[in-house]
């Protein structure tokens, strides 16, 4: 019971502070009225989604949705959450082309060997934000984004919905909205007021 309380407490602290510590670059989305998601499997007890919209860097203007899942509430915060990117992205440390329920984000802080029980959901969001400003080409996860050659140009092509290395990307909704062609009504419906 105390551990479950810890997950909920960490989540509501994140909800309260996310706008200030992320400088408005991260927003938690409503997940059917609760961060508990029954569709992620029997062992997964707690899940929520977050949109990251970088204010600068190569991904400026794009919006990227992530699902954060605590697989076992009784092990929180001893074990890191599973973090999956749900948006098409050209990034060396994010591979959303592989199916599955495991993490598809490669950042040291979220690794089982590096994760510390002092970390929390804010650590997860800060780690995701870091990846958008400091892609790590020394520790790639994506098979299509392995080099920093033409990186900025290829990111822009992917955001526009172009083809990169033979892989078609869907136009990024945040990028479309910024360019004047998107519809944000669904996002406004899902956003939790902070």
Protein backbone atom coordinates (compact mmCIF):
# COMPACT_ATOMS: atom_id res chain seq x y z
CA UNK A 1 0.00 0.00 0.00
CA UNK A 2 2.82 2.43 0.87
CA UNK A 3 4.60 1.79 -2.42
CA UNK A 4 1.46 2.42 -4.46
CA UNK A 5 1.12 5.67 -2.55
CA UNK A 6 4.72 6.53 -3.59
CA UNK A 7 3.87 6.15 -7.31
CA UNK A 8 0.78 8.32 -6.99
CA UNK A 9 2.63 10.89 -4.89
CA UNK A 10 5.45 11.08 -7.46
CA UNK A 11 2.92 11.42 -10.28
CA UNK A 12 1.04 14.28 -8.63
CA UNK A 13 4.30 16.05 -7.79
CA UNK A 14 5.18 15.76 -11.49
CA UNK A 15 1.75 17.07 -12.46
CA UNK A 16 2.24 20.08 -10.18
CA UNK A 17 5.81 20.91 -11.30
CA UNK A 18 6.12 19.80 -14.93
CA UNK A 19 5.42 23.18 -16.53
CA UNK A 20 8.00 25.02 -14.41
CA UNK A 21 10.89 22.54 -14.55
CA UNK A 22 10.37 21.82 -18.28
CA UNK A 23 9.93 25.48 -19.22
CA UNK A 24 6.60 24.52 -20.79
CA UNK A 25 8.16 21.88 -23.04
CA UNK A 26 6.35 18.92 -21.44
CA UNK A 27 2.66 18.31 -20.82
CA UNK A 28 0.99 15.34 -19.18
CA UNK A 29 -1.98 13.97 -21.06
CA UNK A 30 -5.12 12.62 -19.52
CA UNK A 31 -5.31 8.84 -19.71
CA UNK A 32 -9.04 8.08 -19.49
CA UNK A 33 -9.33 9.99 -16.23
CA UNK A 34 -6.50 8.15 -14.49
CA UNK A 35 -2.83 7.37 -14.89
CA UNK A 36 -3.72 3.70 -14.37
CA UNK A 37 -3.90 1.96 -17.75
CA UNK A 38 -5.54 -1.49 -17.87
CA UNK A 39 -4.47 -2.07 -21.49
CA UNK A 40 -0.72 -2.33 -20.90
CA UNK A 41 -0.73 -5.78 -19.35
CA UNK A 42 -1.54 -7.49 -16.10
CA UNK A 43 1.75 -6.58 -14.40
CA UNK A 44 1.69 -2.92 -15.47
CA UNK A 45 -0.08 -0.99 -12.77
CA UNK A 46 0.55 2.63 -13.56
CA UNK A 47 0.88 4.48 -16.87
CA UNK A 48 0.54 7.94 -18.30
CA UNK A 49 1.43 9.81 -21.46
CA UNK A 50 3.42 12.99 -21.90
CA UNK A 51 3.98 15.25 -24.89
CA UNK A 52 7.42 16.81 -25.35
CA UNK A 53 7.61 19.94 -27.54
CA UNK A 54 11.19 21.24 -27.61
CA UNK A 55 11.63 25.04 -27.54
CA UNK A 56 14.89 24.81 -29.48
CA UNK A 57 17.36 22.52 -31.16
CA UNK A 58 16.81 20.33 -34.21
CA UNK A 59 13.35 19.20 -33.06
CA UNK A 60 12.00 22.74 -32.55
CA UNK A 61 8.27 22.81 -33.23
CA UNK A 62 7.78 19.06 -33.18
CA UNK A 63 5.59 17.35 -30.59
CA UNK A 64 6.50 13.85 -29.47
CA UNK A 65 4.28 11.60 -27.36
CA UNK A 66 5.75 9.17 -24.83
CA UNK A 67 4.11 6.53 -22.68
CA UNK A 68 5.64 5.99 -19.25
CA UNK A 69 4.73 2.75 -17.50
CA UNK A 70 5.61 1.51 -14.03
CA UNK A 71 5.55 -2.25 -14.56
CA UNK A 72 5.35 -3.11 -10.87
CA UNK A 73 4.18 -0.52 -8.36
CA UNK A 74 5.75 -2.51 -5.54
CA UNK A 75 9.18 -1.95 -7.11
CA UNK A 76 8.79 1.83 -7.59
CA UNK A 77 11.12 3.67 -7.46
CA UNK A 78 13.72 0.88 -7.24
CA UNK A 79 13.11 -0.11 -10.89
CA UNK A 80 12.99 2.35 -13.79
CA UNK A 81 9.78 2.78 -15.74
CA UNK A 82 9.32 1.59 -19.29
CA UNK A 83 9.40 4.57 -21.64
CA UNK A 84 8.10 4.28 -25.20
CA UNK A 85 7.97 6.94 -27.88
CA UNK A 86 4.62 6.75 -29.68
CA UNK A 87 5.42 9.34 -32.38
CA UNK A 88 7.42 8.81 -35.56
CA UNK A 89 10.85 10.28 -34.93
CA UNK A 90 14.25 10.37 -36.57
CA UNK A 91 16.55 10.18 -33.54
CA UNK A 92 19.65 8.10 -32.78
CA UNK A 93 18.50 7.19 -29.26
CA UNK A 94 14.83 6.48 -29.94
CA UNK A 95 13.63 3.56 -32.06
CA UNK A 96 9.86 3.59 -32.45
CA UNK A 97 9.90 1.21 -35.42
CA UNK A 98 10.24 -1.86 -33.19
CA UNK A 99 7.00 -3.26 -31.80
CA UNK A 100 6.72 -4.37 -28.19
CA UNK A 101 6.15 -3.20 -24.66
CA UNK A 102 9.80 -2.62 -23.75
CA UNK A 103 11.50 0.77 -23.66
CA UNK A 104 12.45 2.16 -27.05
CA UNK A 105 14.39 5.10 -25.61
CA UNK A 106 18.11 4.84 -24.89
CA UNK A 107 19.30 7.25 -22.21
CA UNK A 108 21.57 6.33 -19.31
CA UNK A 109 19.35 7.60 -16.49
CA UNK A 110 16.55 5.22 -17.52
CA UNK A 111 18.79 2.16 -17.82
CA UNK A 112 18.25 -0.56 -15.20
CA UNK A 113 21.97 -0.51 -14.29
CA UNK A 114 22.06 3.28 -13.87
CA UNK A 115 18.61 4.00 -12.42
CA UNK A 116 18.69 5.06 -8.78
CA UNK A 117 15.87 4.77 -6.26
CA UNK A 118 16.23 8.53 -5.68
CA UNK A 119 15.02 9.14 -9.24
CA UNK A 120 11.38 9.84 -10.01
CA UNK A 121 9.08 10.83 -12.89
CA UNK A 122 10.76 14.23 -13.12
CA UNK A 123 14.03 12.40 -13.84
CA UNK A 124 12.28 10.62 -16.72
CA UNK A 125 10.99 13.84 -18.25
CA UNK A 126 14.31 15.65 -17.78
CA UNK A 127 16.07 12.71 -19.47
CA UNK A 128 13.70 12.86 -22.44
CA UNK A 129 14.19 16.61 -22.78
CA UNK A 130 17.97 16.10 -22.67
CA UNK A 131 17.78 13.69 -25.62
CA UNK A 132 16.11 16.32 -27.80
CA UNK A 133 18.94 18.79 -27.22
CA UNK A 134 21.86 16.35 -26.97
CA UNK A 135 21.33 13.32 -29.25
CA UNK A 136 24.05 10.76 -28.47
CA UNK A 137 25.61 9.27 -31.60
CA UNK A 138 28.02 7.23 -29.45
CA UNK A 139 25.16 5.09 -28.08
CA UNK A 140 22.65 4.70 -30.92
CA UNK A 141 19.51 2.61 -30.69
CA UNK A 142 17.89 3.47 -34.02
CA UNK A 143 19.10 1.57 -37.06
CA UNK A 144 18.18 4.41 -39.42
CA UNK A 145 19.77 7.29 -37.51
CA UNK A 146 23.34 6.22 -36.90
CA UNK A 147 25.35 9.25 -37.98
CA UNK A 148 25.33 12.99 -37.39
CA UNK A 149 25.99 13.58 -41.10
CA UNK A 150 23.14 15.75 -42.47
CA UNK A 151 21.37 15.20 -39.15
CA UNK A 152 19.58 18.58 -38.93
CA UNK A 153 18.35 18.31 -42.51
CA UNK A 154 17.11 14.73 -42.04
CA UNK A 155 15.28 15.67 -38.83
CA UNK A 156 13.47 18.45 -40.72
CA UNK A 157 12.60 16.03 -43.54
CA UNK A 158 11.13 13.59 -41.01
CA UNK A 159 9.13 16.33 -39.24
CA UNK A 160 7.61 17.38 -42.57
CA UNK A 161 6.53 13.81 -43.30
CA UNK A 162 9.24 13.03 -45.83
CA UNK A 163 11.18 9.87 -46.57
CA UNK A 164 14.51 9.29 -44.81
CA UNK A 165 16.69 6.33 -45.81
CA UNK A 166 13.69 4.73 -47.52
CA UNK A 167 11.48 5.07 -44.43
CA UNK A 168 8.35 7.23 -44.76
CA UNK A 169 7.56 9.42 -41.75
CA UNK A 170 4.14 10.76 -40.84
CA UNK A 171 4.10 14.57 -40.64
CA UNK A 172 4.64 15.61 -37.04
CA UNK A 173 1.41 17.09 -35.64
CA UNK A 174 3.20 19.73 -33.57
CA UNK A 175 5.28 20.80 -36.54
CA UNK A 176 2.16 21.01 -38.75
CA UNK A 177 0.35 23.08 -36.13
CA UNK A 178 3.30 25.45 -35.83
CA UNK A 179 3.35 25.84 -39.62
CA UNK A 180 -0.39 26.56 -39.60
CA UNK A 181 -1.76 23.28 -40.93
CA UNK A 182 -2.62 21.29 -37.82
CA UNK A 183 -5.64 20.80 -35.60
CA UNK A 184 -4.98 21.01 -31.88
CA UNK A 185 -8.51 20.33 -30.58
CA UNK A 186 -7.73 16.69 -29.70
CA UNK A 187 -4.60 17.73 -27.82
CA UNK A 188 -6.54 20.35 -25.83
CA UNK A 189 -9.14 17.71 -24.88
CA UNK A 190 -6.47 15.32 -23.58
CA UNK A 191 -4.31 17.82 -21.70
CA UNK A 192 -4.53 17.83 -17.92
CA UNK A 193 -4.72 21.31 -16.42
CA UNK A 194 -1.81 22.06 -14.11
